[in-house]
């Protein structure tokens, strides 16, 4: 797997939503590609930060699926 294949899968990789073969391909790629691993760490930080913000009752959040679609196609 290369950068072009693995980058669009990072969110699903983090969520554990990939089949075993694809997950293994992404994992191997992240292990040998520091730039993609850095992007994955950034995605992980964003997800963890967003999760902690959800716990605050005073903040309303947009539809998560719509947000990810907008990010993906930006």
C-alpha atoms as a PDB file:
ATOM      1  CA  UNK A   1       0.000   0.000   0.000  1.00  0.00           C
ATOM      2  CA  UNK A   2       1.246   3.489  -0.797  1.00  0.00           C
ATOM      3  CA  UNK A   3       0.467   7.010   0.446  1.00  0.00           C
ATOM      4  CA  UNK A   4      -2.289   7.608  -2.087  1.00  0.00           C
ATOM      5  CA  UNK A   5      -4.102   4.457  -0.993  1.00  0.00           C
ATOM      6  CA  UNK A   6      -3.587   4.755   2.753  1.00  0.00           C
ATOM      7  CA  UNK A   7      -4.275   8.447   3.457  1.00  0.00           C
ATOM      8  CA  UNK A   8      -8.024   8.312   2.669  1.00  0.00           C
ATOM      9  CA  UNK A   9      -8.356   5.321   5.016  1.00  0.00           C
ATOM     10  CA  UNK A  10      -6.828   6.835   8.155  1.00  0.00           C
ATOM     11  CA  UNK A  11     -10.105   7.732   9.849  1.00  0.00           C
ATOM     12  CA  UNK A  12     -11.553   4.277   9.238  1.00  0.00           C
ATOM     13  CA  UNK A  13      -8.244   2.746  10.348  1.00  0.00           C
ATOM     14  CA  UNK A  14      -8.445   4.663  13.615  1.00  0.00           C
ATOM     15  CA  UNK A  15     -12.063   3.580  14.114  1.00  0.00           C
ATOM     16  CA  UNK A  16     -11.233  -0.073  13.437  1.00  0.00           C
ATOM     17  CA  UNK A  17     -13.671  -0.093  10.516  1.00  0.00           C
ATOM     18  CA  UNK A  18     -11.400  -1.683   7.904  1.00  0.00           C
ATOM     19  CA  UNK A  19     -11.279  -5.338   6.924  1.00  0.00           C
ATOM     20  CA  UNK A  20      -8.237  -7.198   8.237  1.00  0.00           C
ATOM     21  CA  UNK A  21      -6.316  -7.166   4.951  1.00  0.00           C
ATOM     22  CA  UNK A  22      -6.771  -3.426   4.405  1.00  0.00           C
ATOM     23  CA  UNK A  23      -6.028  -2.661   8.045  1.00  0.00           C
ATOM     24  CA  UNK A  24      -2.779  -4.620   7.804  1.00  0.00           C
ATOM     25  CA  UNK A  25      -1.808  -2.764   4.629  1.00  0.00           C
ATOM     26  CA  UNK A  26      -2.361   0.621   6.271  1.00  0.00           C
ATOM     27  CA  UNK A  27      -0.522  -0.484   9.422  1.00  0.00           C
ATOM     28  CA  UNK A  28       2.494  -1.648   7.402  1.00  0.00           C
ATOM     29  CA  UNK A  29       2.528   1.562   5.386  1.00  0.00           C
ATOM     30  CA  UNK A  30       2.384   3.739   8.507  1.00  0.00           C
ATOM     31  CA  UNK A  31       5.294   1.754   9.909  1.00  0.00           C
ATOM     32  CA  UNK A  32       7.565   2.649   6.995  1.00  0.00           C
ATOM     33  CA  UNK A  33       6.291   6.110   5.973  1.00  0.00           C
ATOM     34  CA  UNK A  34       6.973   8.872   8.523  1.00  0.00           C
ATOM     35  CA  UNK A  35       4.928  11.532   6.646  1.00  0.00           C
ATOM     36  CA  UNK A  36       1.788   9.349   6.595  1.00  0.00           C
ATOM     37  CA  UNK A  37       2.382   8.305  10.195  1.00  0.00           C
ATOM     38  CA  UNK A  38       2.514  12.015  11.085  1.00  0.00           C
ATOM     39  CA  UNK A  39      -0.801  12.606   9.331  1.00  0.00           C
ATOM     40  CA  UNK A  40      -2.270   9.631  11.209  1.00  0.00           C
ATOM     41  CA  UNK A  41      -1.070  11.099  14.529  1.00  0.00           C
ATOM     42  CA  UNK A  42      -2.733  14.394  13.567  1.00  0.00           C
ATOM     43  CA  UNK A  43      -6.000  12.587  12.723  1.00  0.00           C
ATOM     44  CA  UNK A  44      -5.787  10.771  16.050  1.00  0.00           C
ATOM     45  CA  UNK A  45      -5.263  14.067  17.911  1.00  0.00           C
ATOM     46  CA  UNK A  46      -8.235  15.652  16.141  1.00  0.00           C
ATOM     47  CA  UNK A  47     -10.498  12.709  16.972  1.00  0.00           C
ATOM     48  CA  UNK A  48      -9.442  12.610  20.627  1.00  0.00           C
ATOM     49  CA  UNK A  49      -9.843  16.394  20.955  1.00  0.00           C
ATOM     50  CA  UNK A  50     -13.271  16.341  19.310  1.00  0.00           C
ATOM     51  CA  UNK A  51     -14.359  13.501  21.597  1.00  0.00           C
ATOM     52  CA  UNK A  52     -13.362  15.449  24.691  1.00  0.00           C
ATOM     53  CA  UNK A  53     -15.244  18.518  23.430  1.00  0.00           C
ATOM     54  CA  UNK A  54     -18.411  16.463  22.994  1.00  0.00           C
ATOM     55  CA  UNK A  55     -18.503  15.986  26.734  1.00  0.00           C
ATOM     56  CA  UNK A  56     -19.149  19.717  27.174  1.00  0.00           C
ATOM     57  CA  UNK A  57     -22.920  20.167  27.247  1.00  0.00           C
ATOM     58  CA  UNK A  58     -22.909  23.776  26.080  1.00  0.00           C
ATOM     59  CA  UNK A  59     -21.452  23.013  22.650  1.00  0.00           C
ATOM     60  CA  UNK A  60     -23.674  21.880  19.783  1.00  0.00           C
ATOM     61  CA  UNK A  61     -22.077  19.837  17.039  1.00  0.00           C
ATOM     62  CA  UNK A  62     -22.796  19.500  13.313  1.00  0.00           C
ATOM     63  CA  UNK A  63     -23.518  16.196  11.642  1.00  0.00           C
ATOM     64  CA  UNK A  64     -20.213  14.305  11.909  1.00  0.00           C
ATOM     65  CA  UNK A  65     -20.652  12.450   8.618  1.00  0.00           C
ATOM     66  CA  UNK A  66     -21.221  15.701   6.738  1.00  0.00           C
ATOM     67  CA  UNK A  67     -18.144  17.262   8.346  1.00  0.00           C
ATOM     68  CA  UNK A  68     -15.900  14.345   7.351  1.00  0.00           C
ATOM     69  CA  UNK A  69     -17.250  14.446   3.813  1.00  0.00           C
ATOM     70  CA  UNK A  70     -16.439  18.139   3.567  1.00  0.00           C
ATOM     71  CA  UNK A  71     -12.921  17.532   4.938  1.00  0.00           C
ATOM     72  CA  UNK A  72     -12.320  14.620   2.571  1.00  0.00           C
ATOM     73  CA  UNK A  73     -13.275  16.590  -0.540  1.00  0.00           C
ATOM     74  CA  UNK A  74     -11.512  19.836   0.406  1.00  0.00           C
END
